[in-house]
């Protein structure tokens, strides 16, 4: 492995603005799909609805069934000053980690519709805040907060989508098999599946679900000069019994998305821990142990997700694949096109 693969600057690239997708393909499975076969070192350009044509009969699939919550809230302080709050993750039943746009201090109260109020309990060094939520002055548990924010909150579109959320984002920024509420960002490789394609592929292939509640840390760029000095964020995961059986076997595995990959590979390094906090950072110096094939979107420069791709194919090949995608005008990021690494 070269020293270049450990330098954050090596993961930079220039993306024309017009290739950042602001809306998804319609229908979902009409997104483009770049297939890279490592065995033959060949690239195929196709469409997502052809995905199963590239999978061997014995290949199993692991999906992330996390569900995006309406985590962006707009409220006001007692003074009348406007505040934007983004829920990041539950720390305990009552203590919620959030990001707040607007100046706050400990005990600041922020008021929302539906008699919802957030009270700041802690200011963290990383810029996040810990708050308690109350409704009609009653302290809420996280699970009781969810139906309230479903009424008044907004889908937290990623920062590079330069538009407000729209009603249809509540469906489109959600996989068709999402069921476990708690994510503030979608596992975006999953967004390409229609219900029909998902059912079709699940009939043909062994499959199972894990849950990884994606946090906003997934968008955090790597700022350390050397990638191994990056403090990787942690996220809550839960591996079903069906998924555990597949992971403990030696059958070939397609991981649907980087979030599934991080969960599977965390488990591969910490056997028997089927739920908890995962903070695994995959990169060329920490390669996958269990995942054979990766389905993923195209990611931000200098991001841990791009480094995860490089853990499968190396830095040079990652740049070659991305250059090819840019040349062929693939659409990038959360609502963009997909890549399959065989």
C-alpha atoms as a PDB file:
ATOM      1  CA  UNK A   1       0.000   0.000   0.000  1.00  0.00           C
ATOM      2  CA  UNK A   2       1.303   3.450  -0.939  1.00  0.00           C
ATOM      3  CA  UNK A   3       1.515   6.426   1.392  1.00  0.00           C
ATOM      4  CA  UNK A   4      -0.736   8.249  -1.079  1.00  0.00           C
ATOM      5  CA  UNK A   5      -3.635   6.024  -0.008  1.00  0.00           C
ATOM      6  CA  UNK A   6      -3.353   7.382   3.549  1.00  0.00           C
ATOM      7  CA  UNK A   7      -3.445  11.066   2.572  1.00  0.00           C
ATOM      8  CA  UNK A   8      -6.822  12.790   2.621  1.00  0.00           C
ATOM      9  CA  UNK A   9      -5.749  15.029  -0.268  1.00  0.00           C
ATOM     10  CA  UNK A  10      -5.488  11.907  -2.453  1.00  0.00           C
ATOM     11  CA  UNK A  11      -9.267  11.482  -2.278  1.00  0.00           C
ATOM     12  CA  UNK A  12     -10.120  14.806  -3.879  1.00  0.00           C
ATOM     13  CA  UNK A  13     -11.676  15.117  -7.316  1.00  0.00           C
ATOM     14  CA  UNK A  14     -13.515  17.786  -9.307  1.00  0.00           C
ATOM     15  CA  UNK A  15     -17.199  17.225  -9.990  1.00  0.00           C
ATOM     16  CA  UNK A  16     -19.163  19.471 -12.386  1.00  0.00           C
ATOM     17  CA  UNK A  17     -22.083  21.007 -10.461  1.00  0.00           C
ATOM     18  CA  UNK A  18     -24.599  19.779 -13.030  1.00  0.00           C
ATOM     19  CA  UNK A  19     -23.824  16.168 -12.083  1.00  0.00           C
ATOM     20  CA  UNK A  20     -25.090  16.627  -8.498  1.00  0.00           C
ATOM     21  CA  UNK A  21     -28.572  15.068  -8.526  1.00  0.00           C
ATOM     22  CA  UNK A  22     -31.254  17.225  -6.938  1.00  0.00           C
ATOM     23  CA  UNK A  23     -34.016  14.722  -7.714  1.00  0.00           C
ATOM     24  CA  UNK A  24     -33.986  10.925  -8.080  1.00  0.00           C
ATOM     25  CA  UNK A  25     -34.449   8.959 -11.297  1.00  0.00           C
ATOM     26  CA  UNK A  26     -38.065   8.144 -12.066  1.00  0.00           C
ATOM     27  CA  UNK A  27     -38.934   5.321 -11.868  1.00  0.00           C
ATOM     28  CA  UNK A  28     -36.335   4.571  -9.185  1.00  0.00           C
ATOM     29  CA  UNK A  29     -34.821   1.581 -10.978  1.00  0.00           C
ATOM     30  CA  UNK A  30     -34.098   3.644 -14.125  1.00  0.00           C
ATOM     31  CA  UNK A  31     -30.989   5.101 -12.508  1.00  0.00           C
ATOM     32  CA  UNK A  32     -27.798   4.263 -14.365  1.00  0.00           C
ATOM     33  CA  UNK A  33     -25.580   1.481 -13.004  1.00  0.00           C
ATOM     34  CA  UNK A  34     -21.819   1.262 -13.489  1.00  0.00           C
ATOM     35  CA  UNK A  35     -20.680  -2.341 -12.987  1.00  0.00           C
ATOM     36  CA  UNK A  36     -17.001  -2.958 -12.246  1.00  0.00           C
ATOM     37  CA  UNK A  37     -15.834  -6.578 -12.319  1.00  0.00           C
ATOM     38  CA  UNK A  38     -12.561  -6.921 -10.410  1.00  0.00           C
ATOM     39  CA  UNK A  39     -11.866 -10.409 -11.767  1.00  0.00           C
ATOM     40  CA  UNK A  40     -11.767  -9.203 -15.383  1.00  0.00           C
ATOM     41  CA  UNK A  41     -10.997  -5.515 -14.693  1.00  0.00           C
ATOM     42  CA  UNK A  42     -13.919  -4.507 -16.921  1.00  0.00           C
ATOM     43  CA  UNK A  43     -16.571  -1.789 -16.704  1.00  0.00           C
ATOM     44  CA  UNK A  44     -20.141  -2.245 -17.955  1.00  0.00           C
ATOM     45  CA  UNK A  45     -22.635   0.622 -18.285  1.00  0.00           C
ATOM     46  CA  UNK A  46     -26.239  -0.418 -17.732  1.00  0.00           C
ATOM     47  CA  UNK A  47     -29.350   0.468 -15.712  1.00  0.00           C
ATOM     48  CA  UNK A  48     -30.304  -0.454 -12.173  1.00  0.00           C
ATOM     49  CA  UNK A  49     -33.235  -2.627 -13.291  1.00  0.00           C
ATOM     50  CA  UNK A  50     -30.621  -5.030 -14.723  1.00  0.00           C
ATOM     51  CA  UNK A  51     -28.889  -5.501 -11.346  1.00  0.00           C
ATOM     52  CA  UNK A  52     -29.816  -9.161 -10.851  1.00  0.00           C
ATOM     53  CA  UNK A  53     -28.276 -10.103 -14.216  1.00  0.00           C
ATOM     54  CA  UNK A  54     -24.853  -9.519 -12.643  1.00  0.00           C
ATOM     55  CA  UNK A  55     -25.353 -11.584  -9.475  1.00  0.00           C
ATOM     56  CA  UNK A  56     -24.472 -15.247  -9.151  1.00  0.00           C
ATOM     57  CA  UNK A  57     -27.335 -17.535  -8.094  1.00  0.00           C
ATOM     58  CA  UNK A  58     -25.717 -18.281  -4.715  1.00  0.00           C
ATOM     59  CA  UNK A  59     -25.108 -14.602  -3.840  1.00  0.00           C
ATOM     60  CA  UNK A  60     -26.984 -13.359  -0.753  1.00  0.00           C
ATOM     61  CA  UNK A  61     -28.019  -9.744  -0.202  1.00  0.00           C
ATOM     62  CA  UNK A  62     -27.980  -7.713   3.014  1.00  0.00           C
ATOM     63  CA  UNK A  63     -30.262  -4.652   3.154  1.00  0.00           C
ATOM     64  CA  UNK A  64     -30.397  -1.826   5.710  1.00  0.00           C
ATOM     65  CA  UNK A  65     -34.034  -1.366   6.789  1.00  0.00           C
ATOM     66  CA  UNK A  66     -33.516   1.895   8.693  1.00  0.00           C
ATOM     67  CA  UNK A  67     -36.171   4.561   8.129  1.00  0.00           C
ATOM     68  CA  UNK A  68     -35.440   8.279   7.795  1.00  0.00           C
ATOM     69  CA  UNK A  69     -37.250  10.449  10.315  1.00  0.00           C
ATOM     70  CA  UNK A  70     -38.386  14.046   9.775  1.00  0.00           C
ATOM     71  CA  UNK A  71     -35.374  15.256  11.703  1.00  0.00           C
ATOM     72  CA  UNK A  72     -35.242  18.924  10.605  1.00  0.00           C
ATOM     73  CA  UNK A  73     -37.333  21.220  12.807  1.00  0.00           C
ATOM     74  CA  UNK A  74     -37.921  24.977  12.600  1.00  0.00           C
ATOM     75  CA  UNK A  75     -38.695  26.799  15.825  1.00  0.00           C
ATOM     76  CA  UNK A  76     -38.198  29.963  17.858  1.00  0.00           C
ATOM     77  CA  UNK A  77     -36.464  30.937  21.061  1.00  0.00           C
ATOM     78  CA  UNK A  78     -38.286  32.789  23.828  1.00  0.00           C
ATOM     79  CA  UNK A  79     -36.829  35.993  22.365  1.00  0.00           C
ATOM     80  CA  UNK A  80     -38.482  35.255  19.009  1.00  0.00           C
ATOM     81  CA  UNK A  81     -35.200  34.453  17.264  1.00  0.00           C
ATOM     82  CA  UNK A  82     -35.578  31.743  14.609  1.00  0.00           C
ATOM     83  CA  UNK A  83     -33.806  28.423  15.141  1.00  0.00           C
ATOM     84  CA  UNK A  84     -33.241  25.415  12.895  1.00  0.00           C
ATOM     85  CA  UNK A  85     -32.651  22.129  14.723  1.00  0.00           C
ATOM     86  CA  UNK A  86     -31.448  18.852  13.180  1.00  0.00           C
ATOM     87  CA  UNK A  87     -31.891  15.708  15.256  1.00  0.00           C
ATOM     88  CA  UNK A  88     -28.792  13.545  14.934  1.00  0.00           C
ATOM     89  CA  UNK A  89     -29.347  10.570  17.233  1.00  0.00           C
ATOM     90  CA  UNK A  90     -30.765   9.434  20.548  1.00  0.00           C
ATOM     91  CA  UNK A  91     -28.100   9.111  23.253  1.00  0.00           C
ATOM     92  CA  UNK A  92     -30.517   7.767  25.878  1.00  0.00           C
ATOM     93  CA  UNK A  93     -34.310   7.499  26.007  1.00  0.00           C
ATOM     94  CA  UNK A  94     -34.526  11.233  26.839  1.00  0.00           C
ATOM     95  CA  UNK A  95     -31.209  12.809  25.793  1.00  0.00           C
ATOM     96  CA  UNK A  96     -31.085  13.594  22.085  1.00  0.00           C
ATOM     97  CA  UNK A  97     -27.969  14.698  20.201  1.00  0.00           C
ATOM     98  CA  UNK A  98     -28.803  17.538  17.765  1.00  0.00           C
ATOM     99  CA  UNK A  99     -27.253  20.289  15.673  1.00  0.00           C
ATOM    100  CA  UNK A 100     -28.699  23.780  16.107  1.00  0.00           C
ATOM    101  CA  UNK A 101     -28.360  26.636  13.646  1.00  0.00           C
ATOM    102  CA  UNK A 102     -28.632  29.722  15.837  1.00  0.00           C
ATOM    103  CA  UNK A 103     -26.899  30.729  19.050  1.00  0.00           C
ATOM    104  CA  UNK A 104     -27.963  28.800  22.143  1.00  0.00           C
ATOM    105  CA  UNK A 105     -26.653  28.186  25.644  1.00  0.00           C
ATOM    106  CA  UNK A 106     -27.452  25.710  28.395  1.00  0.00           C
ATOM    107  CA  UNK A 107     -31.147  25.910  29.392  1.00  0.00           C
ATOM    108  CA  UNK A 108     -32.124  27.742  26.184  1.00  0.00           C
ATOM    109  CA  UNK A 109     -35.675  26.707  25.298  1.00  0.00           C
ATOM    110  CA  UNK A 110     -36.769  26.327  21.663  1.00  0.00           C
ATOM    111  CA  UNK A 111     -40.476  26.247  20.835  1.00  0.00           C
ATOM    112  CA  UNK A 112     -42.090  24.362  17.943  1.00  0.00           C
ATOM    113  CA  UNK A 113     -45.616  23.634  16.702  1.00  0.00           C
ATOM    114  CA  UNK A 114     -47.708  20.944  18.439  1.00  0.00           C
ATOM    115  CA  UNK A 115     -46.688  22.359  21.861  1.00  0.00           C
ATOM    116  CA  UNK A 116     -43.240  20.801  21.406  1.00  0.00           C
ATOM    117  CA  UNK A 117     -40.265  22.352  23.182  1.00  0.00           C
ATOM    118  CA  UNK A 118     -36.572  21.475  23.278  1.00  0.00           C
ATOM    119  CA  UNK A 119     -34.355  22.444  26.214  1.00  0.00           C
ATOM    120  CA  UNK A 120     -30.587  22.575  25.749  1.00  0.00           C
ATOM    121  CA  UNK A 121     -28.792  20.438  28.331  1.00  0.00           C
ATOM    122  CA  UNK A 122     -25.215  20.273  27.016  1.00  0.00           C
ATOM    123  CA  UNK A 123     -22.920  21.976  24.485  1.00  0.00           C
ATOM    124  CA  UNK A 124     -20.436  19.559  22.892  1.00  0.00           C
ATOM    125  CA  UNK A 125     -16.982  20.358  21.513  1.00  0.00           C
ATOM    126  CA  UNK A 126     -17.902  18.943  18.090  1.00  0.00           C
ATOM    127  CA  UNK A 127     -20.611  21.587  17.645  1.00  0.00           C
ATOM    128  CA  UNK A 128     -23.495  19.273  18.512  1.00  0.00           C
ATOM    129  CA  UNK A 129     -25.880  19.860  21.419  1.00  0.00           C
ATOM    130  CA  UNK A 130     -27.783  17.584  23.755  1.00  0.00           C
ATOM    131  CA  UNK A 131     -31.410  18.436  24.371  1.00  0.00           C
ATOM    132  CA  UNK A 132     -34.512  17.106  26.084  1.00  0.00           C
ATOM    133  CA  UNK A 133     -37.838  17.374  24.287  1.00  0.00           C
ATOM    134  CA  UNK A 134     -41.084  18.214  26.068  1.00  0.00           C
ATOM    135  CA  UNK A 135     -44.689  18.290  24.874  1.00  0.00           C
ATOM    136  CA  UNK A 136     -47.150  20.193  27.056  1.00  0.00           C
ATOM    137  CA  UNK A 137     -44.324  20.285  29.629  1.00  0.00           C
ATOM    138  CA  UNK A 138     -44.096  16.472  29.733  1.00  0.00           C
ATOM    139  CA  UNK A 139     -40.607  15.017  29.111  1.00  0.00           C
ATOM    140  CA  UNK A 140     -40.682  12.823  25.997  1.00  0.00           C
ATOM    141  CA  UNK A 141     -38.882   9.582  25.296  1.00  0.00           C
ATOM    142  CA  UNK A 142     -37.366   9.351  21.802  1.00  0.00           C
ATOM    143  CA  UNK A 143     -40.024   6.888  20.590  1.00  0.00           C
ATOM    144  CA  UNK A 144     -42.768   9.284  21.759  1.00  0.00           C
ATOM    145  CA  UNK A 145     -41.071  12.172  19.960  1.00  0.00           C
ATOM    146  CA  UNK A 146     -41.183  10.387  16.575  1.00  0.00           C
ATOM    147  CA  UNK A 147     -44.949  10.747  15.875  1.00  0.00           C
ATOM    148  CA  UNK A 148     -44.772  14.435  16.841  1.00  0.00           C
ATOM    149  CA  UNK A 149     -41.924  15.264  14.456  1.00  0.00           C
ATOM    150  CA  UNK A 150     -43.626  13.211  11.761  1.00  0.00           C
ATOM    151  CA  UNK A 151     -46.348  15.894  11.847  1.00  0.00           C
ATOM    152  CA  UNK A 152     -44.204  19.017  12.038  1.00  0.00           C
ATOM    153  CA  UNK A 153     -40.717  18.050  10.894  1.00  0.00           C
ATOM    154  CA  UNK A 154     -39.035  18.064   7.500  1.00  0.00           C
ATOM    155  CA  UNK A 155     -37.105  15.338   5.683  1.00  0.00           C
ATOM    156  CA  UNK A 156     -33.421  16.224   6.264  1.00  0.00           C
ATOM    157  CA  UNK A 157     -32.131  16.375   2.699  1.00  0.00           C
ATOM    158  CA  UNK A 158     -28.322  16.366   2.499  1.00  0.00           C
ATOM    159  CA  UNK A 159     -26.566  19.754   2.487  1.00  0.00           C
ATOM    160  CA  UNK A 160     -25.482  19.467  -1.171  1.00  0.00           C
ATOM    161  CA  UNK A 161     -29.102  19.274  -2.395  1.00  0.00           C
ATOM    162  CA  UNK A 162     -29.690  22.953  -2.986  1.00  0.00           C
ATOM    163  CA  UNK A 163     -33.449  23.125  -2.508  1.00  0.00           C
ATOM    164  CA  UNK A 164     -35.992  22.894   0.320  1.00  0.00           C
ATOM    165  CA  UNK A 165     -37.578  19.505   0.922  1.00  0.00           C
ATOM    166  CA  UNK A 166     -40.831  18.814  -0.916  1.00  0.00           C
ATOM    167  CA  UNK A 167     -43.755  16.561   0.040  1.00  0.00           C
ATOM    168  CA  UNK A 168     -42.610  13.828  -2.351  1.00  0.00           C
ATOM    169  CA  UNK A 169     -39.210  13.627  -0.610  1.00  0.00           C
ATOM    170  CA  UNK A 170     -40.970  11.888   2.291  1.00  0.00           C
ATOM    171  CA  UNK A 171     -41.362   8.904  -0.058  1.00  0.00           C
ATOM    172  CA  UNK A 172     -38.439   9.355  -2.412  1.00  0.00           C
ATOM    173  CA  UNK A 173     -35.759   9.808   0.300  1.00  0.00           C
ATOM    174  CA  UNK A 174     -36.816   6.462   1.801  1.00  0.00           C
ATOM    175  CA  UNK A 175     -36.236   2.894   0.676  1.00  0.00           C
ATOM    176  CA  UNK A 176     -39.298   0.797  -0.175  1.00  0.00           C
ATOM    177  CA  UNK A 177     -38.346  -1.621   2.645  1.00  0.00           C
ATOM    178  CA  UNK A 178     -37.608   1.012   5.337  1.00  0.00           C
ATOM    179  CA  UNK A 179     -39.236  -0.034   8.613  1.00  0.00           C
ATOM    180  CA  UNK A 180     -37.059   0.894  11.634  1.00  0.00           C
ATOM    181  CA  UNK A 181     -37.325   4.610  12.433  1.00  0.00           C
ATOM    182  CA  UNK A 182     -34.174   6.431  13.494  1.00  0.00           C
ATOM    183  CA  UNK A 183     -31.996   7.550  10.561  1.00  0.00           C
ATOM    184  CA  UNK A 184     -31.377  11.183   9.625  1.00  0.00           C
ATOM    185  CA  UNK A 185     -29.876  10.236   6.259  1.00  0.00           C
ATOM    186  CA  UNK A 186     -31.029   7.559   3.833  1.00  0.00           C
ATOM    187  CA  UNK A 187     -28.977   4.488   2.956  1.00  0.00           C
ATOM    188  CA  UNK A 188     -28.924   5.757  -0.597  1.00  0.00           C
ATOM    189  CA  UNK A 189     -27.976   2.621  -2.570  1.00  0.00           C
ATOM    190  CA  UNK A 190     -31.321   1.247  -1.355  1.00  0.00           C
ATOM    191  CA  UNK A 191     -33.277   4.105  -2.927  1.00  0.00           C
ATOM    192  CA  UNK A 192     -32.998   2.567  -6.403  1.00  0.00           C
ATOM    193  CA  UNK A 193     -35.141  -0.474  -5.619  1.00  0.00           C
ATOM    194  CA  UNK A 194     -38.795  -0.388  -6.640  1.00  0.00           C
ATOM    195  CA  UNK A 195     -41.124  -2.671  -4.673  1.00  0.00           C
ATOM    196  CA  UNK A 196     -41.369  -4.943  -7.710  1.00  0.00           C
ATOM    197  CA  UNK A 197     -37.612  -5.272  -8.182  1.00  0.00           C
ATOM    198  CA  UNK A 198     -37.045  -5.775  -4.470  1.00  0.00           C
ATOM    199  CA  UNK A 199     -39.619  -8.602  -4.360  1.00  0.00           C
ATOM    200  CA  UNK A 200     -38.203 -10.140  -7.537  1.00  0.00           C
ATOM    201  CA  UNK A 201     -34.610 -10.168  -6.292  1.00  0.00           C
ATOM    202  CA  UNK A 202     -35.624 -11.458  -2.855  1.00  0.00           C
ATOM    203  CA  UNK A 203     -37.460 -14.407  -4.453  1.00  0.00           C
ATOM    204  CA  UNK A 204     -34.307 -15.391  -6.334  1.00  0.00           C
ATOM    205  CA  UNK A 205     -31.684 -14.745  -3.663  1.00  0.00           C
ATOM    206  CA  UNK A 206     -31.126 -15.468   0.005  1.00  0.00           C
ATOM    207  CA  UNK A 207     -31.382 -12.142   1.833  1.00  0.00           C
ATOM    208  CA  UNK A 208     -31.731 -10.523   5.242  1.00  0.00           C
ATOM    209  CA  UNK A 209     -31.960  -7.124   6.938  1.00  0.00           C
ATOM    210  CA  UNK A 210     -29.736  -5.276   9.334  1.00  0.00           C
ATOM    211  CA  UNK A 211     -30.488  -1.866  10.856  1.00  0.00           C
ATOM    212  CA  UNK A 212     -27.948   0.943  10.974  1.00  0.00           C
ATOM    213  CA  UNK A 213     -29.435   4.312  11.912  1.00  0.00           C
ATOM    214  CA  UNK A 214     -27.445   6.627   9.671  1.00  0.00           C
ATOM    215  CA  UNK A 215     -26.351   9.813  11.451  1.00  0.00           C
ATOM    216  CA  UNK A 216     -25.415  13.189  10.003  1.00  0.00           C
ATOM    217  CA  UNK A 217     -21.756  12.289  10.613  1.00  0.00           C
ATOM    218  CA  UNK A 218     -21.935  10.367   7.342  1.00  0.00           C
ATOM    219  CA  UNK A 219     -21.605  13.738   5.536  1.00  0.00           C
ATOM    220  CA  UNK A 220     -18.688  14.964   7.634  1.00  0.00           C
ATOM    221  CA  UNK A 221     -15.602  15.456   5.443  1.00  0.00           C
ATOM    222  CA  UNK A 222     -12.265  14.063   6.595  1.00  0.00           C
ATOM    223  CA  UNK A 223     -10.237  17.040   7.818  1.00  0.00           C
ATOM    224  CA  UNK A 224      -7.166  15.236   9.167  1.00  0.00           C
ATOM    225  CA  UNK A 225      -4.191  15.244   6.800  1.00  0.00           C
ATOM    226  CA  UNK A 226      -3.773  11.485   7.282  1.00  0.00           C
ATOM    227  CA  UNK A 227      -7.023   9.537   7.002  1.00  0.00           C
ATOM    228  CA  UNK A 228      -6.244   7.221   9.921  1.00  0.00           C
ATOM    229  CA  UNK A 229      -6.329  10.269  12.241  1.00  0.00           C
ATOM    230  CA  UNK A 230      -9.994  10.914  11.404  1.00  0.00           C
ATOM    231  CA  UNK A 231     -12.307  10.404  14.428  1.00  0.00           C
ATOM    232  CA  UNK A 232     -14.974   8.121  12.940  1.00  0.00           C
ATOM    233  CA  UNK A 233     -18.560   8.771  14.060  1.00  0.00           C
ATOM    234  CA  UNK A 234     -20.542   5.933  15.628  1.00  0.00           C
ATOM    235  CA  UNK A 235     -24.079   4.820  14.788  1.00  0.00           C
ATOM    236  CA  UNK A 236     -26.540   2.404  16.379  1.00  0.00           C
ATOM    237  CA  UNK A 237     -26.853  -0.982  14.660  1.00  0.00           C
ATOM    238  CA  UNK A 238     -28.910  -4.141  15.105  1.00  0.00           C
ATOM    239  CA  UNK A 239     -28.315  -7.393  13.215  1.00  0.00           C
ATOM    240  CA  UNK A 240     -31.301  -9.727  12.812  1.00  0.00           C
ATOM    241  CA  UNK A 241     -30.944 -13.457  13.499  1.00  0.00           C
ATOM    242  CA  UNK A 242     -31.471 -14.160   9.776  1.00  0.00           C
ATOM    243  CA  UNK A 243     -28.675 -11.736   8.888  1.00  0.00           C
ATOM    244  CA  UNK A 244     -26.372 -13.223  11.542  1.00  0.00           C
ATOM    245  CA  UNK A 245     -26.794 -16.690  10.019  1.00  0.00           C
ATOM    246  CA  UNK A 246     -25.831 -15.387   6.583  1.00  0.00           C
ATOM    247  CA  UNK A 247     -22.875 -13.403   7.958  1.00  0.00           C
ATOM    248  CA  UNK A 248     -21.619 -16.445   9.868  1.00  0.00           C
ATOM    249  CA  UNK A 249     -21.750 -18.570   6.686  1.00  0.00           C
ATOM    250  CA  UNK A 250     -19.315 -18.433   3.788  1.00  0.00           C
ATOM    251  CA  UNK A 251     -21.829 -17.759   1.008  1.00  0.00           C
ATOM    252  CA  UNK A 252     -20.975 -14.843  -1.318  1.00  0.00           C
ATOM    253  CA  UNK A 253     -22.407 -11.565  -0.062  1.00  0.00           C
ATOM    254  CA  UNK A 254     -23.650  -8.420  -1.767  1.00  0.00           C
ATOM    255  CA  UNK A 255     -23.872  -5.548   0.695  1.00  0.00           C
ATOM    256  CA  UNK A 256     -26.521  -3.043  -0.376  1.00  0.00           C
ATOM    257  CA  UNK A 257     -24.849   0.249   0.483  1.00  0.00           C
ATOM    258  CA  UNK A 258     -21.992   1.556   2.581  1.00  0.00           C
ATOM    259  CA  UNK A 259     -24.149   1.518   5.734  1.00  0.00           C
ATOM    260  CA  UNK A 260     -24.805  -2.221   5.462  1.00  0.00           C
ATOM    261  CA  UNK A 261     -21.112  -2.688   4.688  1.00  0.00           C
ATOM    262  CA  UNK A 262     -19.956  -0.835   7.808  1.00  0.00           C
ATOM    263  CA  UNK A 263     -22.335  -2.916   9.934  1.00  0.00           C
ATOM    264  CA  UNK A 264     -21.335  -6.268   8.414  1.00  0.00           C
ATOM    265  CA  UNK A 265     -17.645  -5.476   8.683  1.00  0.00           C
ATOM    266  CA  UNK A 266     -17.978  -4.218  12.269  1.00  0.00           C
ATOM    267  CA  UNK A 267     -19.639  -7.533  13.124  1.00  0.00           C
ATOM    268  CA  UNK A 268     -16.890  -9.444  11.298  1.00  0.00           C
ATOM    269  CA  UNK A 269     -14.389  -7.860  13.710  1.00  0.00           C
ATOM    270  CA  UNK A 270     -16.561  -8.143  16.850  1.00  0.00           C
ATOM    271  CA  UNK A 271     -18.271 -11.529  16.585  1.00  0.00           C
ATOM    272  CA  UNK A 272     -21.382 -12.096  18.694  1.00  0.00           C
ATOM    273  CA  UNK A 273     -22.040  -8.332  19.074  1.00  0.00           C
ATOM    274  CA  UNK A 274     -25.311  -8.187  17.149  1.00  0.00           C
ATOM    275  CA  UNK A 275     -26.336  -4.738  18.377  1.00  0.00           C
ATOM    276  CA  UNK A 276     -24.665  -1.643  19.762  1.00  0.00           C
ATOM    277  CA  UNK A 277     -22.552   1.168  18.374  1.00  0.00           C
ATOM    278  CA  UNK A 278     -20.562   0.722  15.158  1.00  0.00           C
ATOM    279  CA  UNK A 279     -17.722   3.107  14.334  1.00  0.00           C
ATOM    280  CA  UNK A 280     -15.748   1.173  11.736  1.00  0.00           C
ATOM    281  CA  UNK A 281     -13.706   3.163   9.214  1.00  0.00           C
ATOM    282  CA  UNK A 282     -12.964   1.128   6.083  1.00  0.00           C
ATOM    283  CA  UNK A 283     -10.138   2.369   3.845  1.00  0.00           C
ATOM    284  CA  UNK A 284      -7.256   0.797   1.858  1.00  0.00           C
ATOM    285  CA  UNK A 285      -5.387   0.085   5.106  1.00  0.00           C
ATOM    286  CA  UNK A 286      -8.483  -1.590   6.623  1.00  0.00           C
ATOM    287  CA  UNK A 287     -10.061  -3.724   3.925  1.00  0.00           C
ATOM    288  CA  UNK A 288     -13.337  -5.673   4.071  1.00  0.00           C
ATOM    289  CA  UNK A 289     -13.189  -9.155   5.615  1.00  0.00           C
ATOM    290  CA  UNK A 290     -16.687 -10.497   4.824  1.00  0.00           C
ATOM    291  CA  UNK A 291     -18.389  -8.454   2.076  1.00  0.00           C
ATOM    292  CA  UNK A 292     -17.693  -9.817  -1.409  1.00  0.00           C
ATOM    293  CA  UNK A 293     -19.634  -7.334  -3.555  1.00  0.00           C
ATOM    294  CA  UNK A 294     -20.663  -3.727  -2.953  1.00  0.00           C
ATOM    295  CA  UNK A 295     -23.621  -1.761  -4.289  1.00  0.00           C
ATOM    296  CA  UNK A 296     -23.210   1.965  -3.686  1.00  0.00           C
ATOM    297  CA  UNK A 297     -23.823   5.458  -5.018  1.00  0.00           C
ATOM    298  CA  UNK A 298     -21.120   7.973  -6.008  1.00  0.00           C
ATOM    299  CA  UNK A 299     -19.757   9.887  -3.036  1.00  0.00           C
ATOM    300  CA  UNK A 300     -18.317  13.238  -1.977  1.00  0.00           C
ATOM    301  CA  UNK A 301     -14.610  14.044  -2.361  1.00  0.00           C
ATOM    302  CA  UNK A 302     -12.508  13.421   0.771  1.00  0.00           C
ATOM    303  CA  UNK A 303     -15.369  11.508   2.433  1.00  0.00           C
ATOM    304  CA  UNK A 304     -15.130   8.324   4.488  1.00  0.00           C
ATOM    305  CA  UNK A 305     -17.571   6.774   1.986  1.00  0.00           C
ATOM    306  CA  UNK A 306     -15.167   7.345  -0.909  1.00  0.00           C
ATOM    307  CA  UNK A 307     -12.403   5.808   1.212  1.00  0.00           C
ATOM    308  CA  UNK A 308     -14.683   2.821   1.838  1.00  0.00           C
ATOM    309  CA  UNK A 309     -14.962   2.309  -1.944  1.00  0.00           C
ATOM    310  CA  UNK A 310     -11.160   2.466  -2.141  1.00  0.00           C
ATOM    311  CA  UNK A 311     -10.968  -0.290   0.493  1.00  0.00           C
ATOM    312  CA  UNK A 312     -12.519  -2.596  -2.143  1.00  0.00           C
ATOM    313  CA  UNK A 313     -10.639  -1.496  -5.290  1.00  0.00           C
ATOM    314  CA  UNK A 314      -7.731   0.729  -4.211  1.00  0.00           C
ATOM    315  CA  UNK A 315      -7.175   4.462  -4.651  1.00  0.00           C
ATOM    316  CA  UNK A 316      -6.090   4.474  -8.311  1.00  0.00           C
ATOM    317  CA  UNK A 317      -8.991   2.311  -9.486  1.00  0.00           C
ATOM    318  CA  UNK A 318     -11.455   4.434  -7.473  1.00  0.00           C
ATOM    319  CA  UNK A 319     -10.263   7.528  -9.354  1.00  0.00           C
ATOM    320  CA  UNK A 320     -10.493   5.661 -12.679  1.00  0.00           C
ATOM    321  CA  UNK A 321     -14.066   4.569 -11.963  1.00  0.00           C
ATOM    322  CA  UNK A 322     -15.108   8.060 -10.872  1.00  0.00           C
ATOM    323  CA  UNK A 323     -13.455   9.640 -13.934  1.00  0.00           C
ATOM    324  CA  UNK A 324     -15.388   7.187 -16.124  1.00  0.00           C
ATOM    325  CA  UNK A 325     -18.645   8.026 -14.317  1.00  0.00           C
ATOM    326  CA  UNK A 326     -18.037  11.767 -14.800  1.00  0.00           C
ATOM    327  CA  UNK A 327     -17.189  11.252 -18.490  1.00  0.00           C
ATOM    328  CA  UNK A 328     -20.416   9.265 -18.973  1.00  0.00           C
ATOM    329  CA  UNK A 329     -22.390  11.899 -17.052  1.00  0.00           C
ATOM    330  CA  UNK A 330     -23.539   9.712 -14.191  1.00  0.00           C
ATOM    331  CA  UNK A 331     -25.492  11.610 -11.534  1.00  0.00           C
ATOM    332  CA  UNK A 332     -23.768  11.854  -8.144  1.00  0.00           C
ATOM    333  CA  UNK A 333     -24.609  11.681  -4.436  1.00  0.00           C
ATOM    334  CA  UNK A 334     -27.785  10.701  -2.582  1.00  0.00           C
ATOM    335  CA  UNK A 335     -30.304  10.998  -5.427  1.00  0.00           C
ATOM    336  CA  UNK A 336     -27.741   9.975  -8.047  1.00  0.00           C
ATOM    337  CA  UNK A 337     -26.829   6.819  -9.951  1.00  0.00           C
ATOM    338  CA  UNK A 338     -25.279   3.604  -8.642  1.00  0.00           C
ATOM    339  CA  UNK A 339     -22.155   1.467  -8.909  1.00  0.00           C
ATOM    340  CA  UNK A 340     -21.823  -2.294  -8.429  1.00  0.00           C
ATOM    341  CA  UNK A 341     -18.403  -3.670  -7.506  1.00  0.00           C
ATOM    342  CA  UNK A 342     -18.113  -7.397  -8.218  1.00  0.00           C
END
